[in-house]
Amino acid sequence: MAKTLNFNKSDLVFSISRKVGISESVAIECVDHLFAEIISNVALDENIEIRSFGIFSKKYIRPRRFINPKTQEVSYLGETSSLHFKPSQKLLS
């Protein structure tokens, strides 16, 4: 079973700034730009594959019915989508 490591945006910025030798403010701009490009392309139904890292894709969530617990009113929510990330085997090991 693969060990799960937490790696957040600030860890990514710190790692990039140290390995590339740039300031953290420049690394923050690079990471923000990368995330914005990934989000905009996935929103246009394009899959983004980064070799040895993973695949970003759009995941569709089926339409569903829900009930307001206070008023007992039945409402319907149409199909929605969310960003999905599937890590590569190299990233997991």
Foldseek 3Di string as FASTA:
>chain_A
DFDDDDADPVNQLVVCCVVVVHDSVVSNVVVVVVVVVCVVCQVVQDWDQDPQFWIKHKDKDAKDWDADVVPRDIDIDHIDIDIDIDTDPNVRD
